[in-house]
Amino acid sequence: SGSIFSMNAMGWYRQAPGNQRELVAAITRDGSVNYAD
């Protein structure tokens, strides 16, 4: 929500107890996606 003039990327991260927050999946402005192995 709110005014987004230009979205560059969105992603999902996760954090399990005792772990660092890690990238799970992301999608960029041009539609490209990447995933954690």
PDB file of all heavy atoms in Angstrom:
ATOM      1  N   SER A   1       0.840  -1.190   0.000  1.00  0.00           N
ATOM      2  CA  SER A   1       0.000   0.000   0.000  1.00  0.00           C
ATOM      3  C   SER A   1       0.875   1.240   0.000  1.00  0.00           C
ATOM      4  O   SER A   1       2.051   1.203   0.369  1.00  0.00           O
ATOM      5  CB  SER A   1      -0.934   0.012   1.213  1.00  0.00           C
ATOM      6  OG  SER A   1      -0.196   0.067   2.420  1.00  0.00           O
ATOM      7  N   GLY A   2       0.282   2.348  -0.389  1.00  0.00           N
ATOM      8  CA  GLY A   2       1.018   3.585  -0.485  1.00  0.00           C
ATOM      9  C   GLY A   2       1.438   3.865  -1.913  1.00  0.00           C
ATOM     10  O   GLY A   2       1.247   3.053  -2.815  1.00  0.00           O
ATOM     11  N   SER A   3       2.014   5.000  -2.098  1.00  0.00           N
ATOM     12  CA  SER A   3       2.398   5.455  -3.427  1.00  0.00           C
ATOM     13  C   SER A   3       3.795   4.951  -3.763  1.00  0.00           C
ATOM     14  O   SER A   3       4.771   5.301  -3.103  1.00  0.00           O
ATOM     15  CB  SER A   3       2.357   6.977  -3.491  1.00  0.00           C
ATOM     16  OG  SER A   3       2.721   7.440  -4.775  1.00  0.00           O
ATOM     17  N   ILE A   4       3.859   4.128  -4.782  1.00  0.00           N
ATOM     18  CA  ILE A   4       5.123   3.607  -5.290  1.00  0.00           C
ATOM     19  C   ILE A   4       5.343   4.201  -6.672  1.00  0.00           C
ATOM     20  O   ILE A   4       4.645   3.849  -7.628  1.00  0.00           O
ATOM     21  CB  ILE A   4       5.127   2.076  -5.353  1.00  0.00           C
ATOM     22  CG1 ILE A   4       4.840   1.476  -3.984  1.00  0.00           C
ATOM     23  CG2 ILE A   4       6.459   1.587  -5.905  1.00  0.00           C
ATOM     24  CD1 ILE A   4       5.915   1.751  -2.962  1.00  0.00           C
ATOM     25  N   PHE A   5       6.301   5.066  -6.767  1.00  0.00           N
ATOM     26  CA  PHE A   5       6.589   5.667  -8.055  1.00  0.00           C
ATOM     27  C   PHE A   5       7.369   4.737  -8.963  1.00  0.00           C
ATOM     28  O   PHE A   5       7.159   4.723 -10.174  1.00  0.00           O
ATOM     29  CB  PHE A   5       7.346   6.983  -7.863  1.00  0.00           C
ATOM     30  CG  PHE A   5       6.568   8.064  -7.179  1.00  0.00           C
ATOM     31  CD1 PHE A   5       7.215   9.146  -6.600  1.00  0.00           C
ATOM     32  CD2 PHE A   5       5.183   8.020  -7.128  1.00  0.00           C
ATOM     33  CE1 PHE A   5       6.506  10.148  -5.977  1.00  0.00           C
ATOM     34  CE2 PHE A   5       4.453   9.019  -6.505  1.00  0.00           C
ATOM     35  CZ  PHE A   5       5.127  10.095  -5.931  1.00  0.00           C
ATOM     36  N   SER A   6       8.268   3.975  -8.389  1.00  0.00           N
ATOM     37  CA  SER A   6       9.074   3.057  -9.165  1.00  0.00           C
ATOM     38  C   SER A   6       9.529   1.904  -8.270  1.00  0.00           C
ATOM     39  O   SER A   6      10.402   2.081  -7.426  1.00  0.00           O
ATOM     40  CB  SER A   6      10.284   3.763  -9.771  1.00  0.00           C
ATOM     41  OG  SER A   6      11.059   2.877 -10.547  1.00  0.00           O
ATOM     42  N   MET A   7       8.933   0.743  -8.472  1.00  0.00           N
ATOM     43  CA  MET A   7       9.329  -0.445  -7.731  1.00  0.00           C
ATOM     44  C   MET A   7      10.498  -1.097  -8.442  1.00  0.00           C
ATOM     45  O   MET A   7      10.396  -1.450  -9.621  1.00  0.00           O
ATOM     46  CB  MET A   7       8.161  -1.418  -7.611  1.00  0.00           C
ATOM     47  CG  MET A   7       8.468  -2.647  -6.767  1.00  0.00           C
ATOM     48  SD  MET A   7       8.613  -2.259  -5.006  1.00  0.00           S
ATOM     49  CE  MET A   7       6.880  -2.023  -4.588  1.00  0.00           C
ATOM     50  N   ASN A   8      11.585  -1.276  -7.731  1.00  0.00           N
ATOM     51  CA  ASN A   8      12.768  -1.879  -8.321  1.00  0.00           C
ATOM     52  C   ASN A   8      12.786  -3.395  -8.180  1.00  0.00           C
ATOM     53  O   ASN A   8      13.157  -4.103  -9.112  1.00  0.00           O
ATOM     54  CB  ASN A   8      14.037  -1.293  -7.705  1.00  0.00           C
ATOM     55  CG  ASN A   8      14.237   0.153  -8.067  1.00  0.00           C
ATOM     56  OD1 ASN A   8      13.763   0.616  -9.108  1.00  0.00           O
ATOM     57  ND2 ASN A   8      14.946   0.877  -7.213  1.00  0.00           N
ATOM     58  N   ALA A   9      12.411  -3.877  -6.999  1.00  0.00           N
ATOM     59  CA  ALA A   9      12.445  -5.310  -6.760  1.00  0.00           C
ATOM     60  C   ALA A   9      11.627  -5.636  -5.526  1.00  0.00           C
ATOM     61  O   ALA A   9      11.474  -4.810  -4.622  1.00  0.00           O
ATOM     62  CB  ALA A   9      13.876  -5.805  -6.583  1.00  0.00           C
ATOM     63  N   MET A  10      11.114  -6.847  -5.503  1.00  0.00           N
ATOM     64  CA  MET A  10      10.475  -7.368  -4.308  1.00  0.00           C
ATOM     65  C   MET A  10      10.995  -8.773  -4.064  1.00  0.00           C
ATOM     66  O   MET A  10      11.348  -9.481  -5.010  1.00  0.00           O
ATOM     67  CB  MET A  10       8.958  -7.373  -4.425  1.00  0.00           C
ATOM     68  CG  MET A  10       8.365  -5.982  -4.550  1.00  0.00           C
ATOM     69  SD  MET A  10       6.568  -5.952  -4.293  1.00  0.00           S
ATOM     70  CE  MET A  10       6.486  -6.334  -2.533  1.00  0.00           C
ATOM     71  N   GLY A  11      11.027  -9.139  -2.819  1.00  0.00           N
ATOM     72  CA  GLY A  11      11.543 -10.449  -2.487  1.00  0.00           C
ATOM     73  C   GLY A  11      10.966 -10.987  -1.203  1.00  0.00           C
ATOM     74  O   GLY A  11      10.332 -10.264  -0.420  1.00  0.00           O
ATOM     75  N   TRP A  12      11.166 -12.262  -1.036  1.00  0.00           N
ATOM     76  CA  TRP A  12      10.822 -12.948   0.190  1.00  0.00           C
ATOM     77  C   TRP A  12      12.096 -13.437   0.864  1.00  0.00           C
ATOM     78  O   TRP A  12      12.957 -14.033   0.211  1.00  0.00           O
ATOM     79  CB  TRP A  12       9.896 -14.138  -0.076  1.00  0.00           C
ATOM     80  CG  TRP A  12       8.509 -13.751  -0.459  1.00  0.00           C
ATOM     81  CD1 TRP A  12       8.002 -13.608  -1.706  1.00  0.00           C
ATOM     82  CD2 TRP A  12       7.435 -13.455   0.448  1.00  0.00           C
ATOM     83  NE1 TRP A  12       6.681 -13.252  -1.653  1.00  0.00           N
ATOM     84  CE2 TRP A  12       6.309 -13.145  -0.348  1.00  0.00           C
ATOM     85  CE3 TRP A  12       7.324 -13.425   1.830  1.00  0.00           C
ATOM     86  CZ2 TRP A  12       5.078 -12.809   0.214  1.00  0.00           C
ATOM     87  CZ3 TRP A  12       6.105 -13.086   2.390  1.00  0.00           C
ATOM     88  CH2 TRP A  12       4.999 -12.785   1.586  1.00  0.00           C
ATOM     89  N   TYR A  13      12.198 -13.163   2.140  1.00  0.00           N
ATOM     90  CA  TYR A  13      13.291 -13.618   2.969  1.00  0.00           C
ATOM     91  C   TYR A  13      12.721 -14.455   4.104  1.00  0.00           C
ATOM     92  O   TYR A  13      11.533 -14.376   4.413  1.00  0.00           O
ATOM     93  CB  TYR A  13      14.069 -12.438   3.551  1.00  0.00           C
ATOM     94  CG  TYR A  13      14.837 -11.626   2.535  1.00  0.00           C
ATOM     95  CD1 TYR A  13      14.190 -10.824   1.610  1.00  0.00           C
ATOM     96  CD2 TYR A  13      16.235 -11.650   2.517  1.00  0.00           C
ATOM     97  CE1 TYR A  13      14.887 -10.075   0.685  1.00  0.00           C
ATOM     98  CE2 TYR A  13      16.953 -10.899   1.604  1.00  0.00           C
ATOM     99  CZ  TYR A  13      16.267 -10.111   0.694  1.00  0.00           C
ATOM    100  OH  TYR A  13      16.976  -9.366  -0.214  1.00  0.00           O
ATOM    101  N   ARG A  14      13.575 -15.242   4.718  1.00  0.00           N
ATOM    102  CA  ARG A  14      13.128 -15.996   5.876  1.00  0.00           C
ATOM    103  C   ARG A  14      14.223 -16.030   6.925  1.00  0.00           C
ATOM    104  O   ARG A  14      15.406 -15.910   6.621  1.00  0.00           O
ATOM    105  CB  ARG A  14      12.705 -17.419   5.493  1.00  0.00           C
ATOM    106  CG  ARG A  14      13.835 -18.318   5.010  1.00  0.00           C
ATOM    107  CD  ARG A  14      13.270 -19.644   4.516  1.00  0.00           C
ATOM    108  NE  ARG A  14      14.312 -20.558   4.074  1.00  0.00           N
ATOM    109  CZ  ARG A  14      14.074 -21.706   3.472  1.00  0.00           C
ATOM    110  NH1 ARG A  14      12.825 -22.098   3.232  1.00  0.00           N
ATOM    111  NH2 ARG A  14      15.086 -22.488   3.104  1.00  0.00           N
ATOM    112  N   GLN A  15      13.789 -16.201   8.150  1.00  0.00           N
ATOM    113  CA  GLN A  15      14.711 -16.264   9.267  1.00  0.00           C
ATOM    114  C   GLN A  15      14.231 -17.322  10.247  1.00  0.00           C
ATOM    115  O   GLN A  15      13.140 -17.211  10.809  1.00  0.00           O
ATOM    116  CB  GLN A  15      14.823 -14.908   9.962  1.00  0.00           C
ATOM    117  CG  GLN A  15      15.891 -14.858  11.033  1.00  0.00           C
ATOM    118  CD  GLN A  15      16.171 -13.446  11.496  1.00  0.00           C
ATOM    119  OE1 GLN A  15      15.380 -12.538  11.278  1.00  0.00           O
ATOM    120  NE2 GLN A  15      17.322 -13.252  12.129  1.00  0.00           N
ATOM    121  N   ALA A  16      15.038 -18.342  10.417  1.00  0.00           N
ATOM    122  CA  ALA A  16      14.772 -19.386  11.387  1.00  0.00           C
ATOM    123  C   ALA A  16      15.514 -19.062  12.679  1.00  0.00           C
ATOM    124  O   ALA A  16      16.503 -18.321  12.675  1.00  0.00           O
ATOM    125  CB  ALA A  16      15.209 -20.742  10.845  1.00  0.00           C
ATOM    126  N   PRO A  17      15.055 -19.610  13.800  1.00  0.00           N
ATOM    127  CA  PRO A  17      15.730 -19.335  15.071  1.00  0.00           C
ATOM    128  C   PRO A  17      17.217 -19.652  15.007  1.00  0.00           C
ATOM    129  O   PRO A  17      17.619 -20.724  14.558  1.00  0.00           O
ATOM    130  CB  PRO A  17      15.006 -20.253  16.050  1.00  0.00           C
ATOM    131  CG  PRO A  17      13.646 -20.423  15.462  1.00  0.00           C
ATOM    132  CD  PRO A  17      13.860 -20.446  13.977  1.00  0.00           C
ATOM    133  N   GLY A  18      18.025 -18.705  15.439  1.00  0.00           N
ATOM    134  CA  GLY A  18      19.458 -18.880  15.452  1.00  0.00           C
ATOM    135  C   GLY A  18      20.149 -18.631  14.130  1.00  0.00           C
ATOM    136  O   GLY A  18      21.380 -18.725  14.062  1.00  0.00           O
ATOM    137  N   ASN A  19      19.390 -18.328  13.087  1.00  0.00           N
ATOM    138  CA  ASN A  19      19.964 -18.129  11.765  1.00  0.00           C
ATOM    139  C   ASN A  19      19.863 -16.684  11.319  1.00  0.00           C
ATOM    140  O   ASN A  19      19.070 -15.897  11.840  1.00  0.00           O
ATOM    141  CB  ASN A  19      19.275 -19.026  10.739  1.00  0.00           C
ATOM    142  CG  ASN A  19      19.556 -20.496  10.948  1.00  0.00           C
ATOM    143  OD1 ASN A  19      20.525 -20.868  11.606  1.00  0.00           O
ATOM    144  ND2 ASN A  19      18.713 -21.346  10.380  1.00  0.00           N
ATOM    145  N   GLN A  20      20.655 -16.351  10.327  1.00  0.00           N
ATOM    146  CA  GLN A  20      20.557 -15.059   9.672  1.00  0.00           C
ATOM    147  C   GLN A  20      19.341 -15.032   8.757  1.00  0.00           C
ATOM    148  O   GLN A  20      18.868 -16.077   8.301  1.00  0.00           O
ATOM    149  CB  GLN A  20      21.815 -14.777   8.854  1.00  0.00           C
ATOM    150  CG  GLN A  20      23.097 -14.681   9.655  1.00  0.00           C
ATOM    151  CD  GLN A  20      23.263 -13.339  10.283  1.00  0.00           C
ATOM    152  OE1 GLN A  20      22.735 -13.084  11.371  1.00  0.00           O
ATOM    153  NE2 GLN A  20      23.985 -12.451   9.617  1.00  0.00           N
ATOM    154  N   ARG A  21      18.855 -13.839   8.492  1.00  0.00           N
ATOM    155  CA  ARG A  21      17.800 -13.697   7.515  1.00  0.00           C
ATOM    156  C   ARG A  21      18.383 -13.947   6.123  1.00  0.00           C
ATOM    157  O   ARG A  21      19.403 -13.365   5.754  1.00  0.00           O
ATOM    158  CB  ARG A  21      17.183 -12.306   7.603  1.00  0.00           C
ATOM    159  CG  ARG A  21      15.929 -12.131   6.771  1.00  0.00           C
ATOM    160  CD  ARG A  21      15.252 -10.805   7.055  1.00  0.00           C
ATOM    161  NE  ARG A  21      14.811 -10.712   8.446  1.00  0.00           N
ATOM    162  CZ  ARG A  21      14.113  -9.700   8.946  1.00  0.00           C
ATOM    163  NH1 ARG A  21      13.755  -8.686   8.160  1.00  0.00           N
ATOM    164  NH2 ARG A  21      13.772  -9.699  10.224  1.00  0.00           N
ATOM    165  N   GLU A  22      17.739 -14.813   5.367  1.00  0.00           N
ATOM    166  CA  GLU A  22      18.258 -15.206   4.072  1.00  0.00           C
ATOM    167  C   GLU A  22      17.234 -14.976   2.974  1.00  0.00           C
ATOM    168  O   GLU A  22      16.024 -15.064   3.190  1.00  0.00           O
ATOM    169  CB  GLU A  22      18.678 -16.683   4.075  1.00  0.00           C
ATOM    170  CG  GLU A  22      17.525 -17.651   4.284  1.00  0.00           C
ATOM    171  CD  GLU A  22      17.929 -19.110   4.179  1.00  0.00           C
ATOM    172  OE1 GLU A  22      19.066 -19.387   3.750  1.00  0.00           O
ATOM    173  OE2 GLU A  22      17.104 -19.980   4.524  1.00  0.00           O
ATOM    174  N   LEU A  23      17.747 -14.695   1.793  1.00  0.00           N
ATOM    175  CA  LEU A  23      16.896 -14.521   0.628  1.00  0.00           C
ATOM    176  C   LEU A  23      16.311 -15.861   0.206  1.00  0.00           C
ATOM    177  O   LEU A  23      17.030 -16.847   0.070  1.00  0.00           O
ATOM    178  CB  LEU A  23      17.690 -13.915  -0.524  1.00  0.00           C
ATOM    179  CG  LEU A  23      16.943 -13.790  -1.853  1.00  0.00           C
ATOM    180  CD1 LEU A  23      15.834 -12.752  -1.753  1.00  0.00           C
ATOM    181  CD2 LEU A  23      17.903 -13.425  -2.984  1.00  0.00           C
ATOM    182  N   VAL A  24      15.012 -15.872  -0.018  1.00  0.00           N
ATOM    183  CA  VAL A  24      14.323 -17.048  -0.521  1.00  0.00           C
ATOM    184  C   VAL A  24      14.053 -16.914  -2.013  1.00  0.00           C
ATOM    185  O   VAL A  24      14.360 -17.808  -2.801  1.00  0.00           O
ATOM    186  CB  VAL A  24      13.004 -17.290   0.238  1.00  0.00           C
ATOM    187  CG1 VAL A  24      12.246 -18.473  -0.354  1.00  0.00           C
ATOM    188  CG2 VAL A  24      13.272 -17.508   1.717  1.00  0.00           C
ATOM    189  N   ALA A  25      13.465 -15.806  -2.399  1.00  0.00           N
ATOM    190  CA  ALA A  25      13.123 -15.561  -3.795  1.00  0.00           C
ATOM    191  C   ALA A  25      12.978 -14.071  -4.007  1.00  0.00           C
ATOM    192  O   ALA A  25      12.592 -13.341  -3.100  1.00  0.00           O
ATOM    193  CB  ALA A  25      11.826 -16.280  -4.183  1.00  0.00           C
ATOM    194  N   ALA A  26      13.280 -13.628  -5.217  1.00  0.00           N
ATOM    195  CA  ALA A  26      13.160 -12.218  -5.542  1.00  0.00           C
ATOM    196  C   ALA A  26      12.719 -12.059  -6.983  1.00  0.00           C
ATOM    197  O   ALA A  26      13.010 -12.904  -7.838  1.00  0.00           O
ATOM    198  CB  ALA A  26      14.480 -11.485  -5.315  1.00  0.00           C
ATOM    199  N   ILE A  27      12.021 -10.969  -7.235  1.00  0.00           N
ATOM    200  CA  ILE A  27      11.610 -10.618  -8.587  1.00  0.00           C
ATOM    201  C   ILE A  27      11.966  -9.164  -8.811  1.00  0.00           C
ATOM    202  O   ILE A  27      11.696  -8.307  -7.963  1.00  0.00           O
ATOM    203  CB  ILE A  27      10.109 -10.903  -8.818  1.00  0.00           C
ATOM    204  CG1 ILE A  27       9.718 -10.595 -10.265  1.00  0.00           C
ATOM    205  CG2 ILE A  27       9.238 -10.140  -7.828  1.00  0.00           C
ATOM    206  CD1 ILE A  27       8.354 -11.158 -10.653  1.00  0.00           C
ATOM    207  N   THR A  28      12.587  -8.882  -9.936  1.00  0.00           N
ATOM    208  CA  THR A  28      13.062  -7.544 -10.225  1.00  0.00           C
ATOM    209  C   THR A  28      12.124  -6.825 -11.177  1.00  0.00           C
ATOM    210  O   THR A  28      11.159  -7.399 -11.691  1.00  0.00           O
ATOM    211  CB  THR A  28      14.480  -7.580 -10.811  1.00  0.00           C
ATOM    212  OG1 THR A  28      14.485  -8.392 -11.989  1.00  0.00           O
ATOM    213  CG2 THR A  28      15.454  -8.160  -9.798  1.00  0.00           C
ATOM    214  N   ARG A  29      12.434  -5.565 -11.417  1.00  0.00           N
ATOM    215  CA  ARG A  29      11.569  -4.703 -12.208  1.00  0.00           C
ATOM    216  C   ARG A  29      11.297  -5.264 -13.602  1.00  0.00           C
ATOM    217  O   ARG A  29      10.183  -5.125 -14.127  1.00  0.00           O
ATOM    218  CB  ARG A  29      12.203  -3.320 -12.307  1.00  0.00           C
ATOM    219  CG  ARG A  29      11.377  -2.285 -13.026  1.00  0.00           C
ATOM    220  CD  ARG A  29      12.098  -0.958 -13.003  1.00  0.00           C
ATOM    221  NE  ARG A  29      11.338   0.100 -13.649  1.00  0.00           N
ATOM    222  CZ  ARG A  29      11.719   1.365 -13.712  1.00  0.00           C
ATOM    223  NH1 ARG A  29      12.874   1.742 -13.156  1.00  0.00           N
ATOM    224  NH2 ARG A  29      10.950   2.257 -14.322  1.00  0.00           N
ATOM    225  N   ASP A  30      12.298  -5.876 -14.190  1.00  0.00           N
ATOM    226  CA  ASP A  30      12.137  -6.416 -15.536  1.00  0.00           C
ATOM    227  C   ASP A  30      11.511  -7.804 -15.559  1.00  0.00           C
ATOM    228  O   ASP A  30      11.387  -8.403 -16.623  1.00  0.00           O
ATOM    229  CB  ASP A  30      13.482  -6.433 -16.268  1.00  0.00           C
ATOM    230  CG  ASP A  30      14.494  -7.357 -15.627  1.00  0.00           C
ATOM    231  OD1 ASP A  30      14.186  -7.964 -14.586  1.00  0.00           O
ATOM    232  OD2 ASP A  30      15.608  -7.469 -16.168  1.00  0.00           O
ATOM    233  N   GLY A  31      11.125  -8.304 -14.395  1.00  0.00           N
ATOM    234  CA  GLY A  31      10.463  -9.590 -14.319  1.00  0.00           C
ATOM    235  C   GLY A  31      11.367 -10.776 -14.081  1.00  0.00           C
ATOM    236  O   GLY A  31      10.877 -11.906 -13.991  1.00  0.00           O
ATOM    237  N   SER A  32      12.646 -10.554 -14.001  1.00  0.00           N
ATOM    238  CA  SER A  32      13.548 -11.661 -13.732  1.00  0.00           C
ATOM    239  C   SER A  32      13.389 -12.132 -12.290  1.00  0.00           C
ATOM    240  O   SER A  32      13.090 -11.344 -11.390  1.00  0.00           O
ATOM    241  CB  SER A  32      14.997 -11.266 -14.014  1.00  0.00           C
ATOM    242  OG  SER A  32      15.415 -10.244 -13.129  1.00  0.00           O
ATOM    243  N   VAL A  33      13.586 -13.405 -12.075  1.00  0.00           N
ATOM    244  CA  VAL A  33      13.415 -13.992 -10.759  1.00  0.00           C
ATOM    245  C   VAL A  33      14.655 -14.792 -10.401  1.00  0.00           C
ATOM    246  O   VAL A  33      15.388 -15.264 -11.272  1.00  0.00           O
ATOM    247  CB  VAL A  33      12.168 -14.898 -10.686  1.00  0.00           C
ATOM    248  CG1 VAL A  33      10.903 -14.093 -10.950  1.00  0.00           C
ATOM    249  CG2 VAL A  33      12.271 -16.041 -11.687  1.00  0.00           C
ATOM    250  N   ASN A  34      14.881 -14.914  -9.117  1.00  0.00           N
ATOM    251  CA  ASN A  34      15.930 -15.793  -8.653  1.00  0.00           C
ATOM    252  C   ASN A  34      15.511 -16.407  -7.334  1.00  0.00           C
ATOM    253  O   ASN A  34      14.723 -15.835  -6.589  1.00  0.00           O
ATOM    254  CB  ASN A  34      17.287 -15.077  -8.543  1.00  0.00           C
ATOM    255  CG  ASN A  34      17.282 -13.945  -7.545  1.00  0.00           C
ATOM    256  OD1 ASN A  34      17.481 -14.164  -6.348  1.00  0.00           O
ATOM    257  ND2 ASN A  34      17.060 -12.728  -8.029  1.00  0.00           N
ATOM    258  N   TYR A  35      16.062 -17.585  -7.065  1.00  0.00           N
ATOM    259  CA  TYR A  35      15.679 -18.366  -5.899  1.00  0.00           C
ATOM    260  C   TYR A  35      16.908 -18.879  -5.178  1.00  0.00           C
ATOM    261  O   TYR A  35      17.950 -19.133  -5.787  1.00  0.00           O
ATOM    262  CB  TYR A  35      14.828 -19.566  -6.308  1.00  0.00           C
ATOM    263  CG  TYR A  35      13.531 -19.221  -6.988  1.00  0.00           C
ATOM    264  CD1 TYR A  35      13.446 -19.150  -8.373  1.00  0.00           C
ATOM    265  CD2 TYR A  35      12.384 -18.978  -6.245  1.00  0.00           C
ATOM    266  CE1 TYR A  35      12.253 -18.834  -8.998  1.00  0.00           C
ATOM    267  CE2 TYR A  35      11.185 -18.661  -6.866  1.00  0.00           C
ATOM    268  CZ  TYR A  35      11.124 -18.590  -8.239  1.00  0.00           C
ATOM    269  OH  TYR A  35       9.932 -18.282  -8.854  1.00  0.00           O
ATOM    270  N   ALA A  36      16.753 -19.052  -3.891  1.00  0.00           N
ATOM    271  CA  ALA A  36      17.762 -19.774  -3.146  1.00  0.00           C
ATOM    272  C   ALA A  36      17.813 -21.220  -3.635  1.00  0.00           C
ATOM    273  O   ALA A  36      16.790 -21.796  -4.009  1.00  0.00           O
ATOM    274  CB  ALA A  36      17.454 -19.734  -1.652  1.00  0.00           C
ATOM    275  N   ASP A  37      19.001 -21.785  -3.637  1.00  0.00           N
ATOM    276  CA  ASP A  37      19.146 -23.161  -4.098  1.00  0.00           C
ATOM    277  C   ASP A  37      18.250 -24.118  -3.327  1.00  0.00           C
ATOM    278  O   ASP A  37      17.738 -25.093  -3.885  1.00  0.00           O
ATOM    279  CB  ASP A  37      20.601 -23.611  -3.981  1.00  0.00           C
ATOM    280  CG  ASP A  37      21.499 -22.958  -5.009  1.00  0.00           C
ATOM    281  OD1 ASP A  37      20.988 -22.446  -6.022  1.00  0.00           O
ATOM    282  OD2 ASP A  37      22.725 -22.966  -4.804  1.00  0.00           O
TER     283      ASP A  37
END
